[in-house]
C-alpha cells in the first residue's frame, strides 16, 4: 500500500480574519478547499459560509472575509 501526500499552494499571505491562530488556520484551510470543491448533502449542492467548533457550538465563525463573497458555484455547476 502506497502513501500519498496531497499538497496545494495556499494563496499568499492575507490579512487574518481571526487573531486566534487555530481559528485562522481552520478558516484559511476551509476557504481554500471551498474554492476548489462543491460540497453536497446527498445530491443537493450546499453553500457553506461558516463553521462551529465542537468545544463551543454556539459561536459561528465566518469562512470568507467580508470583502470577498462566497464562491458562487450554484449557477456555474448545475446538477
PDB file of N, CA and C in Angstrom:
ATOM      1  N   UNK A   1       0.839  -1.176   0.000  1.00  0.00           N
ATOM      2  CA  UNK A   1       0.000   0.000   0.000  1.00  0.00           C
ATOM      3  C   UNK A   1       0.885   1.240   0.000  1.00  0.00           C
ATOM      4  N   UNK A   2       0.614   2.143  -0.918  1.00  0.00           N
ATOM      5  CA  UNK A   2       1.422   3.350  -1.029  1.00  0.00           C
ATOM      6  C   UNK A   2       0.738   4.513  -0.319  1.00  0.00           C
ATOM      7  N   UNK A   3       1.546   5.344   0.309  1.00  0.00           N
ATOM      8  CA  UNK A   3       1.035   6.563   0.926  1.00  0.00           C
ATOM      9  C   UNK A   3       1.271   7.721  -0.031  1.00  0.00           C
ATOM     10  N   UNK A   4       0.303   8.600  -0.103  1.00  0.00           N
ATOM     11  CA  UNK A   4       0.427   9.756  -0.965  1.00  0.00           C
ATOM     12  C   UNK A   4       0.269  11.016  -0.143  1.00  0.00           C
ATOM     13  N   UNK A   5       1.021  12.021  -0.486  1.00  0.00           N
ATOM     14  CA  UNK A   5       0.907  13.319   0.174  1.00  0.00           C
ATOM     15  C   UNK A   5       0.254  14.272  -0.799  1.00  0.00           C
ATOM     16  N   UNK A   6      -0.846  14.866  -0.383  1.00  0.00           N
ATOM     17  CA  UNK A   6      -1.543  15.848  -1.213  1.00  0.00           C
ATOM     18  C   UNK A   6      -1.181  17.228  -0.703  1.00  0.00           C
ATOM     19  N   UNK A   7      -0.630  18.032  -1.583  1.00  0.00           N
ATOM     20  CA  UNK A   7      -0.265  19.397  -1.215  1.00  0.00           C
ATOM     21  C   UNK A   7      -0.809  20.344  -2.265  1.00  0.00           C
ATOM     22  N   UNK A   8      -1.264  21.481  -1.811  1.00  0.00           N
ATOM     23  CA  UNK A   8      -1.679  22.513  -2.736  1.00  0.00           C
ATOM     24  C   UNK A   8      -1.218  23.848  -2.175  1.00  0.00           C
ATOM     25  N   UNK A   9      -0.901  24.746  -3.058  1.00  0.00           N
ATOM     26  CA  UNK A   9      -0.378  26.036  -2.649  1.00  0.00           C
ATOM     27  C   UNK A   9      -1.520  26.919  -2.156  1.00  0.00           C
ATOM     28  N   UNK A  10      -1.332  27.483  -0.969  1.00  0.00           N
ATOM     29  CA  UNK A  10      -2.302  28.421  -0.429  1.00  0.00           C
ATOM     30  C   UNK A  10      -2.057  29.783  -1.034  1.00  0.00           C
ATOM     31  N   UNK A  11      -3.107  30.586  -1.108  1.00  0.00           N
ATOM     32  CA  UNK A  11      -2.940  31.953  -1.572  1.00  0.00           C
ATOM     33  C   UNK A  11      -1.929  32.647  -0.673  1.00  0.00           C
ATOM     34  N   UNK A  12      -1.309  33.678  -1.220  1.00  0.00           N
ATOM     35  CA  UNK A  12      -0.299  34.410  -0.469  1.00  0.00           C
ATOM     36  C   UNK A  12      -0.822  34.912   0.860  1.00  0.00           C
ATOM     37  N   UNK A  13       0.066  35.483   1.627  1.00  0.00           N
ATOM     38  CA  UNK A  13      -0.332  35.959   2.954  1.00  0.00           C
ATOM     39  C   UNK A  13      -1.406  37.017   2.836  1.00  0.00           C
ATOM     40  N   UNK A  14      -2.494  36.774   3.533  1.00  0.00           N
ATOM     41  CA  UNK A  14      -3.600  37.714   3.579  1.00  0.00           C
ATOM     42  C   UNK A  14      -3.749  38.204   5.006  1.00  0.00           C
ATOM     43  N   UNK A  15      -4.454  39.283   5.148  1.00  0.00           N
ATOM     44  CA  UNK A  15      -4.767  39.781   6.483  1.00  0.00           C
ATOM     45  C   UNK A  15      -5.632  38.746   7.184  1.00  0.00           C
ATOM     46  N   UNK A  16      -5.246  38.305   8.389  1.00  0.00           N
ATOM     47  CA  UNK A  16      -6.057  37.293   9.074  1.00  0.00           C
ATOM     48  C   UNK A  16      -7.430  37.843   9.449  1.00  0.00           C
ATOM     49  N   UNK A  17      -8.426  36.977   9.407  1.00  0.00           N
ATOM     50  CA  UNK A  17      -9.784  37.340   9.809  1.00  0.00           C
ATOM     51  C   UNK A  17      -9.905  37.214  11.321  1.00  0.00           C
ATOM     52  N   UNK A  18      -9.260  36.191  11.893  1.00  0.00           N
ATOM     53  CA  UNK A  18      -9.300  35.945  13.335  1.00  0.00           C
ATOM     54  C   UNK A  18      -7.890  36.025  13.913  1.00  0.00           C
ATOM     55  N   UNK A  19      -7.773  36.583  15.097  1.00  0.00           N
ATOM     56  CA  UNK A  19      -6.472  36.683  15.760  1.00  0.00           C
ATOM     57  C   UNK A  19      -6.037  35.355  16.375  1.00  0.00           C
ATOM     58  N   UNK A  20      -6.989  34.478  16.683  1.00  0.00           N
ATOM     59  CA  UNK A  20      -6.688  33.158  17.236  1.00  0.00           C
ATOM     60  C   UNK A  20      -6.069  32.305  16.134  1.00  0.00           C
ATOM     61  N   UNK A  21      -4.821  31.841  16.323  1.00  0.00           N
ATOM     62  CA  UNK A  21      -4.146  31.066  15.270  1.00  0.00           C
ATOM     63  C   UNK A  21      -4.897  29.796  14.863  1.00  0.00           C
ATOM     64  N   UNK A  22      -5.531  29.104  15.814  1.00  0.00           N
ATOM     65  CA  UNK A  22      -6.276  27.898  15.481  1.00  0.00           C
ATOM     66  C   UNK A  22      -7.468  28.229  14.596  1.00  0.00           C
ATOM     67  N   UNK A  23      -8.251  29.231  14.980  1.00  0.00           N
ATOM     68  CA  UNK A  23      -9.404  29.639  14.169  1.00  0.00           C
ATOM     69  C   UNK A  23      -8.975  30.074  12.779  1.00  0.00           C
ATOM     70  N   UNK A  24      -7.904  30.841  12.698  1.00  0.00           N
ATOM     71  CA  UNK A  24      -7.444  31.344  11.401  1.00  0.00           C
ATOM     72  C   UNK A  24      -6.938  30.211  10.518  1.00  0.00           C
ATOM     73  N   UNK A  25      -6.260  29.224  11.101  1.00  0.00           N
ATOM     74  CA  UNK A  25      -5.784  28.080  10.325  1.00  0.00           C
ATOM     75  C   UNK A  25      -6.967  27.300   9.755  1.00  0.00           C
ATOM     76  N   UNK A  26      -7.965  27.034  10.592  1.00  0.00           N
ATOM     77  CA  UNK A  26      -9.149  26.309  10.133  1.00  0.00           C
ATOM     78  C   UNK A  26      -9.873  27.105   9.062  1.00  0.00           C
ATOM     79  N   UNK A  27     -10.082  28.400   9.291  1.00  0.00           N
ATOM     80  CA  UNK A  27     -10.792  29.260   8.349  1.00  0.00           C
ATOM     81  C   UNK A  27     -10.077  29.303   6.999  1.00  0.00           C
ATOM     82  N   UNK A  28      -8.759  29.498   7.030  1.00  0.00           N
ATOM     83  CA  UNK A  28      -7.985  29.596   5.787  1.00  0.00           C
ATOM     84  C   UNK A  28      -8.017  28.276   5.007  1.00  0.00           C
ATOM     85  N   UNK A  29      -7.888  27.153   5.710  1.00  0.00           N
ATOM     86  CA  UNK A  29      -7.939  25.847   5.039  1.00  0.00           C
ATOM     87  C   UNK A  29      -9.310  25.628   4.394  1.00  0.00           C
ATOM     88  N   UNK A  30     -10.375  25.951   5.136  1.00  0.00           N
ATOM     89  CA  UNK A  30     -11.714  25.767   4.592  1.00  0.00           C
ATOM     90  C   UNK A  30     -11.956  26.696   3.404  1.00  0.00           C
ATOM     91  N   UNK A  31     -11.475  27.926   3.481  1.00  0.00           N
ATOM     92  CA  UNK A  31     -11.626  28.859   2.360  1.00  0.00           C
ATOM     93  C   UNK A  31     -10.956  28.306   1.110  1.00  0.00           C
ATOM     94  N   UNK A  32      -9.748  27.818   1.257  1.00  0.00           N
ATOM     95  CA  UNK A  32      -9.031  27.260   0.105  1.00  0.00           C
ATOM     96  C   UNK A  32      -9.707  26.011  -0.438  1.00  0.00           C
ATOM     97  N   UNK A  33     -10.166  25.145   0.428  1.00  0.00           N
ATOM     98  CA  UNK A  33     -10.849  23.925  -0.023  1.00  0.00           C
ATOM     99  C   UNK A  33     -12.145  24.280  -0.739  1.00  0.00           C
ATOM    100  N   UNK A  34     -12.917  25.227  -0.188  1.00  0.00           N
ATOM    101  CA  UNK A  34     -14.192  25.599  -0.801  1.00  0.00           C
ATOM    102  C   UNK A  34     -14.012  26.343  -2.120  1.00  0.00           C
ATOM    103  N   UNK A  35     -12.805  26.794  -2.403  1.00  0.00           N
ATOM    104  CA  UNK A  35     -12.528  27.413  -3.696  1.00  0.00           C
ATOM    105  C   UNK A  35     -12.271  26.369  -4.788  1.00  0.00           C
ATOM    106  N   UNK A  36     -12.141  25.086  -4.398  1.00  0.00           N
ATOM    107  CA  UNK A  36     -11.870  24.057  -5.410  1.00  0.00           C
ATOM    108  C   UNK A  36     -12.869  22.905  -5.391  1.00  0.00           C
ATOM    109  N   UNK A  37     -13.802  22.875  -4.430  1.00  0.00           N
ATOM    110  CA  UNK A  37     -14.791  21.794  -4.372  1.00  0.00           C
ATOM    111  C   UNK A  37     -16.198  22.364  -4.269  1.00  0.00           C
ATOM    112  N   UNK A  38     -17.187  21.505  -4.496  1.00  0.00           N
ATOM    113  CA  UNK A  38     -18.594  21.845  -4.289  1.00  0.00           C
ATOM    114  C   UNK A  38     -19.128  20.874  -3.249  1.00  0.00           C
ATOM    115  N   UNK A  39     -19.427  21.345  -2.038  1.00  0.00           N
ATOM    116  CA  UNK A  39     -19.965  20.450  -1.015  1.00  0.00           C
ATOM    117  C   UNK A  39     -21.385  20.006  -1.348  1.00  0.00           C
ATOM    118  N   UNK A  40     -21.728  18.784  -0.962  1.00  0.00           N
ATOM    119  CA  UNK A  40     -23.045  18.217  -1.237  1.00  0.00           C
ATOM    120  C   UNK A  40     -23.663  17.677   0.044  1.00  0.00           C
ATOM    121  N   UNK A  41     -24.987  17.656   0.068  1.00  0.00           N
ATOM    122  CA  UNK A  41     -25.762  16.919   1.055  1.00  0.00           C
ATOM    123  C   UNK A  41     -26.654  16.000   0.235  1.00  0.00           C
ATOM    124  N   UNK A  42     -26.306  14.727   0.188  1.00  0.00           N
ATOM    125  CA  UNK A  42     -26.961  13.834  -0.759  1.00  0.00           C
ATOM    126  C   UNK A  42     -26.568  14.274  -2.161  1.00  0.00           C
ATOM    127  N   UNK A  43     -27.552  14.616  -3.000  1.00  0.00           N
ATOM    128  CA  UNK A  43     -27.269  15.116  -4.345  1.00  0.00           C
ATOM    129  C   UNK A  43     -27.431  16.638  -4.440  1.00  0.00           C
ATOM    130  N   UNK A  44     -27.766  17.280  -3.319  1.00  0.00           N
ATOM    131  CA  UNK A  44     -28.026  18.721  -3.320  1.00  0.00           C
ATOM    132  C   UNK A  44     -26.767  19.501  -2.963  1.00  0.00           C
ATOM    133  N   UNK A  45     -26.417  20.485  -3.802  1.00  0.00           N
ATOM    134  CA  UNK A  45     -25.285  21.350  -3.504  1.00  0.00           C
ATOM    135  C   UNK A  45     -25.642  22.246  -2.324  1.00  0.00           C
ATOM    136  N   UNK A  46     -24.690  22.423  -1.430  1.00  0.00           N
ATOM    137  CA  UNK A  46     -24.919  23.267  -0.260  1.00  0.00           C
ATOM    138  C   UNK A  46     -23.886  24.393  -0.222  1.00  0.00           C
ATOM    139  N   UNK A  47     -24.316  25.521   0.275  1.00  0.00           N
ATOM    140  CA  UNK A  47     -23.446  26.693   0.388  1.00  0.00           C
ATOM    141  C   UNK A  47     -22.935  26.763   1.821  1.00  0.00           C
ATOM    142  N   UNK A  48     -21.649  26.634   1.990  1.00  0.00           N
ATOM    143  CA  UNK A  48     -21.032  26.673   3.311  1.00  0.00           C
ATOM    144  C   UNK A  48     -20.330  28.013   3.459  1.00  0.00           C
ATOM    145  N   UNK A  49     -20.688  28.751   4.508  1.00  0.00           N
ATOM    146  CA  UNK A  49     -20.065  30.053   4.710  1.00  0.00           C
ATOM    147  C   UNK A  49     -19.522  30.231   6.120  1.00  0.00           C
ATOM    148  N   UNK A  50     -19.642  29.209   6.949  1.00  0.00           N
ATOM    149  CA  UNK A  50     -19.148  29.320   8.307  1.00  0.00           C
ATOM    150  C   UNK A  50     -18.962  27.956   8.944  1.00  0.00           C
ATOM    151  N   UNK A  51     -18.480  27.973  10.181  1.00  0.00           N
ATOM    152  CA  UNK A  51     -18.259  26.731  10.916  1.00  0.00           C
ATOM    153  C   UNK A  51     -18.357  27.001  12.408  1.00  0.00           C
ATOM    154  N   UNK A  52     -18.527  25.923  13.176  1.00  0.00           N
ATOM    155  CA  UNK A  52     -18.516  25.965  14.634  1.00  0.00           C
ATOM    156  C   UNK A  52     -17.461  24.974  15.104  1.00  0.00           C
ATOM    157  N   UNK A  53     -16.961  25.194  16.291  1.00  0.00           N
ATOM    158  CA  UNK A  53     -16.033  24.246  16.901  1.00  0.00           C
ATOM    159  C   UNK A  53     -16.795  23.367  17.882  1.00  0.00           C
ATOM    160  N   UNK A  54     -16.382  22.128  18.019  1.00  0.00           N
ATOM    161  CA  UNK A  54     -17.047  21.217  18.939  1.00  0.00           C
ATOM    162  C   UNK A  54     -16.983  21.726  20.381  1.00  0.00           C
ATOM    163  N   UNK A  55     -15.935  22.468  20.710  1.00  0.00           N
ATOM    164  CA  UNK A  55     -15.787  22.963  22.080  1.00  0.00           C
ATOM    165  C   UNK A  55     -16.719  24.127  22.391  1.00  0.00           C
ATOM    166  N   UNK A  56     -17.300  24.744  21.346  1.00  0.00           N
ATOM    167  CA  UNK A  56     -18.198  25.890  21.535  1.00  0.00           C
ATOM    168  C   UNK A  56     -19.204  25.891  20.385  1.00  0.00           C
ATOM    169  N   UNK A  57     -20.279  25.182  20.545  1.00  0.00           N
ATOM    170  CA  UNK A  57     -21.255  25.020  19.466  1.00  0.00           C
ATOM    171  C   UNK A  57     -22.153  26.234  19.272  1.00  0.00           C
ATOM    172  N   UNK A  58     -22.038  27.238  20.113  1.00  0.00           N
ATOM    173  CA  UNK A  58     -22.884  28.429  19.986  1.00  0.00           C
ATOM    174  C   UNK A  58     -22.262  29.495  19.087  1.00  0.00           C
ATOM    175  N   UNK A  59     -20.958  29.525  19.007  1.00  0.00           N
ATOM    176  CA  UNK A  59     -20.276  30.566  18.238  1.00  0.00           C
ATOM    177  C   UNK A  59     -20.087  30.117  16.793  1.00  0.00           C
ATOM    178  N   UNK A  60     -20.505  30.975  15.861  1.00  0.00           N
ATOM    179  CA  UNK A  60     -20.339  30.710  14.427  1.00  0.00           C
ATOM    180  C   UNK A  60     -19.211  31.592  13.909  1.00  0.00           C
ATOM    181  N   UNK A  61     -18.292  30.993  13.164  1.00  0.00           N
ATOM    182  CA  UNK A  61     -17.163  31.705  12.585  1.00  0.00           C
ATOM    183  C   UNK A  61     -17.328  31.750  11.077  1.00  0.00           C
ATOM    184  N   UNK A  62     -17.126  32.918  10.490  1.00  0.00           N
ATOM    185  CA  UNK A  62     -17.220  33.077   9.034  1.00  0.00           C
ATOM    186  C   UNK A  62     -15.969  32.513   8.373  1.00  0.00           C
ATOM    187  N   UNK A  63     -16.149  31.937   7.201  1.00  0.00           N
ATOM    188  CA  UNK A  63     -15.011  31.402   6.457  1.00  0.00           C
ATOM    189  C   UNK A  63     -14.405  32.467   5.548  1.00  0.00           C
ATOM    190  N   UNK A  64     -15.254  33.210   4.871  1.00  0.00           N
ATOM    191  CA  UNK A  64     -14.780  34.165   3.883  1.00  0.00           C
ATOM    192  C   UNK A  64     -14.747  35.577   4.455  1.00  0.00           C
ATOM    193  N   UNK A  65     -13.661  36.320   4.186  1.00  0.00           N
ATOM    194  CA  UNK A  65     -13.601  37.708   4.642  1.00  0.00           C
ATOM    195  C   UNK A  65     -14.786  38.503   4.083  1.00  0.00           C
ATOM    196  N   UNK A  66     -15.151  39.574   4.749  1.00  0.00           N
ATOM    197  CA  UNK A  66     -16.312  40.361   4.340  1.00  0.00           C
ATOM    198  C   UNK A  66     -16.187  40.918   2.930  1.00  0.00           C
ATOM    199  N   UNK A  67     -14.986  41.317   2.529  1.00  0.00           N
ATOM    200  CA  UNK A  67     -14.828  41.901   1.200  1.00  0.00           C
ATOM    201  C   UNK A  67     -14.906  40.867   0.086  1.00  0.00           C
ATOM    202  N   UNK A  68     -14.749  39.588   0.422  1.00  0.00           N
ATOM    203  CA  UNK A  68     -14.820  38.515  -0.574  1.00  0.00           C
ATOM    204  C   UNK A  68     -16.129  37.770  -0.395  1.00  0.00           C
ATOM    205  N   UNK A  69     -16.868  37.603  -1.479  1.00  0.00           N
ATOM    206  CA  UNK A  69     -18.111  36.845  -1.413  1.00  0.00           C
ATOM    207  C   UNK A  69     -17.814  35.356  -1.438  1.00  0.00           C
ATOM    208  N   UNK A  70     -18.759  34.585  -0.938  1.00  0.00           N
ATOM    209  CA  UNK A  70     -18.668  33.136  -1.018  1.00  0.00           C
ATOM    210  C   UNK A  70     -18.666  32.732  -2.490  1.00  0.00           C
ATOM    211  N   UNK A  71     -17.838  31.778  -2.900  1.00  0.00           N
ATOM    212  CA  UNK A  71     -17.845  31.365  -4.304  1.00  0.00           C
ATOM    213  C   UNK A  71     -19.260  31.022  -4.772  1.00  0.00           C
ATOM    214  N   UNK A  72     -19.611  31.479  -5.964  1.00  0.00           N
ATOM    215  CA  UNK A  72     -20.960  31.259  -6.496  1.00  0.00           C
ATOM    216  C   UNK A  72     -20.945  30.036  -7.395  1.00  0.00           C
ATOM    217  N   UNK A  73     -20.846  28.858  -6.783  1.00  0.00           N
ATOM    218  CA  UNK A  73     -20.782  27.624  -7.573  1.00  0.00           C
ATOM    219  C   UNK A  73     -22.150  27.087  -7.934  1.00  0.00           C
ATOM    220  N   UNK A  74     -23.224  27.632  -7.389  1.00  0.00           N
ATOM    221  CA  UNK A  74     -24.548  27.125  -7.686  1.00  0.00           C
ATOM    222  C   UNK A  74     -24.931  27.388  -9.148  1.00  0.00           C
ATOM    223  N   UNK A  75     -24.640  28.561  -9.658  1.00  0.00           N
ATOM    224  CA  UNK A  75     -25.011  28.902 -11.023  1.00  0.00           C
ATOM    225  C   UNK A  75     -24.054  28.312 -12.038  1.00  0.00           C
ATOM    226  N   UNK A  76     -22.815  28.162 -11.666  1.00  0.00           N
ATOM    227  CA  UNK A  76     -21.794  27.696 -12.614  1.00  0.00           C
ATOM    228  C   UNK A  76     -21.835  26.193 -12.833  1.00  0.00           C
ATOM    229  N   UNK A  77     -22.273  25.426 -11.850  1.00  0.00           N
ATOM    230  CA  UNK A  77     -22.224  23.978 -11.920  1.00  0.00           C
ATOM    231  C   UNK A  77     -23.568  23.361 -11.543  1.00  0.00           C
ATOM    232  N   UNK A  78     -24.574  23.488 -12.387  1.00  0.00           N
ATOM    233  CA  UNK A  78     -25.868  22.890 -12.043  1.00  0.00           C
ATOM    234  C   UNK A  78     -25.794  21.367 -12.075  1.00  0.00           C
ATOM    235  N   UNK A  79     -26.625  20.726 -11.268  1.00  0.00           N
ATOM    236  CA  UNK A  79     -26.669  19.252 -11.275  1.00  0.00           C
ATOM    237  C   UNK A  79     -27.485  18.744 -12.415  1.00  0.00           C
TER     238      UNK A  79
END
